[in-house]
Amino acid sequence: MFSNFDYDVIIRSLPYLFYDGMTFTLALTAFATVGG
């Protein structure tokens, strides 16, 4: 039960973490391109 709960939480939060990470990376790249 505990391992299933952990996997469920990870699977549910993965898209949000991926979206936030990609948004941050793209924003950082854009700022570096504009400012650099």
N, C-alpha and C. Protein backbone atom coordinates (compact mmCIF):
# COMPACT_ATOMS: atom_id res chain seq x y z
N MET A 1 0.83 -1.20 0.00
CA MET A 1 0.00 0.00 0.00
C MET A 1 0.87 1.26 0.00
N PHE A 2 1.93 1.23 0.78
CA PHE A 2 2.77 2.42 0.88
C PHE A 2 3.49 2.69 -0.44
N SER A 3 4.03 1.63 -1.07
CA SER A 3 4.75 1.83 -2.33
C SER A 3 3.78 2.26 -3.43
N ASN A 4 2.58 1.73 -3.43
CA ASN A 4 1.59 2.15 -4.43
C ASN A 4 1.24 3.62 -4.24
N PHE A 5 1.12 4.04 -2.99
CA PHE A 5 0.82 5.45 -2.70
C PHE A 5 1.95 6.35 -3.19
N ASP A 6 3.19 5.93 -2.95
CA ASP A 6 4.34 6.73 -3.39
C ASP A 6 4.35 6.86 -4.91
N TYR A 7 4.15 5.73 -5.60
CA TYR A 7 4.16 5.78 -7.06
C TYR A 7 3.03 6.66 -7.58
N ASP A 8 1.87 6.56 -6.95
CA ASP A 8 0.73 7.37 -7.38
C ASP A 8 1.02 8.85 -7.22
N VAL A 9 1.62 9.23 -6.11
CA VAL A 9 1.96 10.63 -5.88
C VAL A 9 3.00 11.11 -6.90
N ILE A 10 3.99 10.28 -7.16
CA ILE A 10 5.04 10.65 -8.12
C ILE A 10 4.44 10.81 -9.51
N ILE A 11 3.59 9.86 -9.90
CA ILE A 11 2.99 9.92 -11.24
C ILE A 11 2.08 11.14 -11.37
N ARG A 12 1.37 11.47 -10.30
CA ARG A 12 0.47 12.63 -10.36
C ARG A 12 1.25 13.94 -10.41
N SER A 13 2.37 14.02 -9.70
CA SER A 13 3.11 15.28 -9.62
C SER A 13 4.12 15.44 -10.75
N LEU A 14 4.38 14.37 -11.49
CA LEU A 14 5.41 14.42 -12.53
C LEU A 14 5.10 15.45 -13.61
N PRO A 15 3.87 15.49 -14.18
CA PRO A 15 3.59 16.51 -15.20
C PRO A 15 3.77 17.93 -14.69
N TYR A 16 3.36 18.19 -13.44
CA TYR A 16 3.51 19.54 -12.89
C TYR A 16 4.98 19.90 -12.73
N LEU A 17 5.78 18.96 -12.21
CA LEU A 17 7.20 19.21 -12.02
C LEU A 17 7.87 19.41 -13.37
N PHE A 18 7.50 18.60 -14.36
CA PHE A 18 8.09 18.73 -15.70
C PHE A 18 7.74 20.08 -16.32
N TYR A 19 6.47 20.49 -16.16
CA TYR A 19 6.02 21.76 -16.73
C TYR A 19 6.75 22.93 -16.07
N ASP A 20 6.86 22.90 -14.74
CA ASP A 20 7.56 23.97 -14.03
C ASP A 20 9.03 24.01 -14.42
N GLY A 21 9.65 22.85 -14.53
CA GLY A 21 11.06 22.78 -14.88
C GLY A 21 11.31 23.30 -16.29
N MET A 22 10.45 22.92 -17.23
CA MET A 22 10.63 23.37 -18.60
C MET A 22 10.37 24.87 -18.71
N THR A 23 9.36 25.36 -17.99
CA THR A 23 9.07 26.79 -18.01
C THR A 23 10.25 27.58 -17.47
N PHE A 24 10.83 27.11 -16.36
CA PHE A 24 11.98 27.79 -15.77
C PHE A 24 13.17 27.76 -16.72
N THR A 25 13.41 26.60 -17.34
CA THR A 25 14.55 26.46 -18.25
C THR A 25 14.39 27.37 -19.47
N LEU A 26 13.20 27.38 -20.05
CA LEU A 26 12.97 28.21 -21.23
C LEU A 26 13.06 29.69 -20.87
N ALA A 27 12.53 30.07 -19.72
CA ALA A 27 12.60 31.47 -19.30
C ALA A 27 14.05 31.87 -19.07
N LEU A 28 14.82 30.99 -18.43
CA LEU A 28 16.22 31.29 -18.16
C LEU A 28 17.00 31.41 -19.46
N THR A 29 16.72 30.53 -20.42
CA THR A 29 17.39 30.59 -21.72
C THR A 29 17.03 31.88 -22.45
N ALA A 30 15.76 32.28 -22.38
CA ALA A 30 15.33 33.49 -23.06
C ALA A 30 15.99 34.72 -22.44
N PHE A 31 16.04 34.77 -21.11
CA PHE A 31 16.69 35.90 -20.44
C PHE A 31 18.17 35.94 -20.78
N ALA A 32 18.82 34.78 -20.85
CA ALA A 32 20.24 34.73 -21.17
C ALA A 32 20.48 35.20 -22.60
N THR A 33 19.58 34.82 -23.51
CA THR A 33 19.73 35.22 -24.91
C THR A 33 19.52 36.72 -25.07
N VAL A 34 18.52 37.26 -24.39
CA VAL A 34 18.22 38.69 -24.51
C VAL A 34 19.29 39.52 -23.79
N GLY A 35 19.68 39.09 -22.61
CA GLY A 35 20.61 39.88 -21.81
C GLY A 35 22.07 39.62 -22.15
N GLY A 36 22.36 38.48 -22.78
CA GLY A 36 23.74 38.12 -23.01
C GLY A 36 24.24 38.62 -24.35
